[in-house]
Amino acid sequence: MQQKVKEQLKVYRQSVQKWAFEGKLTTEWRALRQAQGTLPSAKELLKEIKAERERHYQRKL
């Protein structure tokens, strides 16, 4: 039984990763932000990611 659960969990994780990669997990969020005019561009997102990485790095020092 435990082995079957592990196998099912592995399949579930793969499905979630696939959906994330394809953008299916954020479809509603993106549609809502786009309708509100608040969907950030890829350039803006990259800037936010870089800033967050820098903050994380500084906290670790």
N, C-alpha and C. Protein backbone atom coordinates (compact mmCIF):
# COMPACT_ATOMS: atom_id res chain seq x y z
N MET A 1 0.82 -1.19 0.00
CA MET A 1 0.00 0.00 0.00
C MET A 1 0.87 1.26 0.00
N GLN A 2 1.88 1.29 0.83
CA GLN A 2 2.74 2.46 0.94
C GLN A 2 3.45 2.74 -0.39
N GLN A 3 3.87 1.69 -1.09
CA GLN A 3 4.54 1.86 -2.38
C GLN A 3 3.58 2.47 -3.40
N LYS A 4 2.32 2.04 -3.36
CA LYS A 4 1.33 2.58 -4.29
C LYS A 4 1.11 4.07 -4.04
N VAL A 5 1.08 4.47 -2.78
CA VAL A 5 0.90 5.87 -2.42
C VAL A 5 2.10 6.69 -2.94
N LYS A 6 3.29 6.17 -2.77
CA LYS A 6 4.50 6.85 -3.25
C LYS A 6 4.45 7.04 -4.76
N GLU A 7 4.01 6.02 -5.48
CA GLU A 7 3.92 6.09 -6.94
C GLU A 7 2.87 7.12 -7.37
N GLN A 8 1.73 7.12 -6.67
CA GLN A 8 0.68 8.09 -6.99
C GLN A 8 1.15 9.51 -6.71
N LEU A 9 1.87 9.70 -5.62
CA LEU A 9 2.40 11.01 -5.29
C LEU A 9 3.39 11.48 -6.35
N LYS A 10 4.21 10.58 -6.83
CA LYS A 10 5.17 10.92 -7.88
C LYS A 10 4.44 11.39 -9.13
N VAL A 11 3.39 10.68 -9.52
CA VAL A 11 2.61 11.05 -10.70
C VAL A 11 1.94 12.41 -10.48
N TYR A 12 1.39 12.62 -9.29
CA TYR A 12 0.75 13.89 -8.97
C TYR A 12 1.74 15.04 -9.07
N ARG A 13 2.92 14.88 -8.50
CA ARG A 13 3.94 15.93 -8.56
C ARG A 13 4.32 16.24 -10.00
N GLN A 14 4.47 15.21 -10.81
CA GLN A 14 4.81 15.43 -12.22
C GLN A 14 3.70 16.21 -12.93
N SER A 15 2.46 15.89 -12.60
CA SER A 15 1.33 16.60 -13.21
C SER A 15 1.33 18.08 -12.81
N VAL A 16 1.58 18.34 -11.54
CA VAL A 16 1.61 19.72 -11.06
C VAL A 16 2.75 20.49 -11.73
N GLN A 17 3.90 19.86 -11.85
CA GLN A 17 5.03 20.51 -12.52
C GLN A 17 4.71 20.80 -13.98
N LYS A 18 4.06 19.88 -14.64
CA LYS A 18 3.69 20.06 -16.04
C LYS A 18 2.71 21.22 -16.17
N TRP A 19 1.71 21.26 -15.30
CA TRP A 19 0.72 22.34 -15.35
C TRP A 19 1.39 23.69 -15.07
N ALA A 20 2.31 23.71 -14.13
CA ALA A 20 3.02 24.95 -13.80
C ALA A 20 3.83 25.42 -15.01
N PHE A 21 4.53 24.51 -15.64
CA PHE A 21 5.35 24.84 -16.79
C PHE A 21 4.49 25.36 -17.94
N GLU A 22 3.31 24.80 -18.10
CA GLU A 22 2.42 25.21 -19.19
C GLU A 22 1.59 26.44 -18.84
N GLY A 23 1.68 26.93 -17.61
CA GLY A 23 0.95 28.12 -17.20
C GLY A 23 -0.48 27.86 -16.79
N LYS A 24 -0.85 26.61 -16.64
CA LYS A 24 -2.23 26.27 -16.29
C LYS A 24 -2.57 26.60 -14.84
N LEU A 25 -1.58 26.66 -13.98
CA LEU A 25 -1.84 26.93 -12.57
C LEU A 25 -2.15 28.40 -12.32
N THR A 26 -1.78 29.27 -13.24
CA THR A 26 -1.98 30.71 -13.04
C THR A 26 -2.92 31.32 -14.07
N THR A 27 -3.68 30.50 -14.77
CA THR A 27 -4.57 31.00 -15.82
C THR A 27 -5.56 32.04 -15.29
N GLU A 28 -6.24 31.71 -14.21
CA GLU A 28 -7.23 32.62 -13.65
C GLU A 28 -6.57 33.89 -13.12
N TRP A 29 -5.45 33.75 -12.45
CA TRP A 29 -4.73 34.90 -11.91
C TRP A 29 -4.33 35.85 -13.04
N ARG A 30 -3.77 35.30 -14.12
CA ARG A 30 -3.35 36.14 -15.24
C ARG A 30 -4.54 36.82 -15.91
N ALA A 31 -5.65 36.10 -16.08
CA ALA A 31 -6.84 36.68 -16.70
C ALA A 31 -7.38 37.83 -15.85
N LEU A 32 -7.43 37.65 -14.54
CA LEU A 32 -7.91 38.69 -13.65
C LEU A 32 -7.00 39.91 -13.70
N ARG A 33 -5.70 39.69 -13.62
CA ARG A 33 -4.74 40.81 -13.66
C ARG A 33 -4.80 41.54 -15.00
N GLN A 34 -4.97 40.79 -16.06
CA GLN A 34 -5.04 41.41 -17.38
C GLN A 34 -6.30 42.27 -17.48
N ALA A 35 -7.41 41.78 -16.97
CA ALA A 35 -8.67 42.54 -16.99
C ALA A 35 -8.55 43.80 -16.15
N GLN A 36 -7.79 43.73 -15.07
CA GLN A 36 -7.60 44.89 -14.19
C GLN A 36 -6.51 45.83 -14.72
N GLY A 37 -5.77 45.35 -15.71
CA GLY A 37 -4.67 46.15 -16.24
C GLY A 37 -3.46 46.14 -15.33
N THR A 38 -3.35 45.13 -14.49
CA THR A 38 -2.23 45.06 -13.54
C THR A 38 -1.31 43.87 -13.79
N LEU A 39 -1.41 43.27 -14.95
CA LEU A 39 -0.55 42.13 -15.28
C LEU A 39 0.84 42.66 -15.62
N PRO A 40 1.84 42.32 -14.82
CA PRO A 40 3.19 42.84 -15.10
C PRO A 40 3.78 42.21 -16.35
N SER A 41 4.63 42.96 -17.00
CA SER A 41 5.32 42.44 -18.19
C SER A 41 6.42 41.48 -17.73
N ALA A 42 6.94 40.73 -18.67
CA ALA A 42 8.03 39.81 -18.36
C ALA A 42 9.24 40.58 -17.83
N LYS A 43 9.47 41.75 -18.41
CA LYS A 43 10.60 42.58 -17.97
C LYS A 43 10.41 43.03 -16.52
N GLU A 44 9.19 43.42 -16.17
CA GLU A 44 8.90 43.83 -14.79
C GLU A 44 9.04 42.66 -13.83
N LEU A 45 8.56 41.49 -14.23
CA LEU A 45 8.68 40.31 -13.38
C LEU A 45 10.13 39.94 -13.14
N LEU A 46 10.92 40.00 -14.18
CA LEU A 46 12.34 39.68 -14.06
C LEU A 46 13.02 40.65 -13.10
N LYS A 47 12.66 41.92 -13.18
CA LYS A 47 13.22 42.92 -12.28
C LYS A 47 12.84 42.60 -10.83
N GLU A 48 11.59 42.21 -10.60
CA GLU A 48 11.14 41.85 -9.26
C GLU A 48 11.87 40.62 -8.74
N ILE A 49 12.06 39.63 -9.60
CA ILE A 49 12.75 38.40 -9.21
C ILE A 49 14.19 38.71 -8.82
N LYS A 50 14.85 39.53 -9.62
CA LYS A 50 16.24 39.89 -9.32
C LYS A 50 16.33 40.64 -8.00
N ALA A 51 15.40 41.54 -7.75
CA ALA A 51 15.40 42.31 -6.50
C ALA A 51 15.17 41.38 -5.31
N GLU A 52 14.24 40.44 -5.46
CA GLU A 52 13.97 39.50 -4.37
C GLU A 52 15.17 38.60 -4.11
N ARG A 53 15.84 38.16 -5.15
CA ARG A 53 17.05 37.35 -4.98
C ARG A 53 18.12 38.13 -4.22
N GLU A 54 18.27 39.40 -4.58
CA GLU A 54 19.26 40.23 -3.91
C GLU A 54 18.90 40.40 -2.43
N ARG A 55 17.62 40.65 -2.11
CA ARG A 55 17.19 40.77 -0.73
C ARG A 55 17.46 39.47 0.03
N HIS A 56 17.16 38.36 -0.61
CA HIS A 56 17.39 37.05 0.02
C HIS A 56 18.89 36.86 0.28
N TYR A 57 19.69 37.18 -0.69
CA TYR A 57 21.14 37.06 -0.55
C TYR A 57 21.66 37.92 0.60
N GLN A 58 21.16 39.16 0.68
CA GLN A 58 21.61 40.07 1.74
C GLN A 58 21.20 39.57 3.12
N ARG A 59 20.02 38.96 3.23
CA ARG A 59 19.58 38.41 4.52
C ARG A 59 20.47 37.25 4.95
N LYS A 60 20.99 36.49 3.99
CA LYS A 60 21.80 35.32 4.31
C LYS A 60 23.21 35.71 4.77
N LEU A 61 23.63 36.94 4.44
CA LEU A 61 25.00 37.35 4.81
C LEU A 61 25.15 37.59 6.27
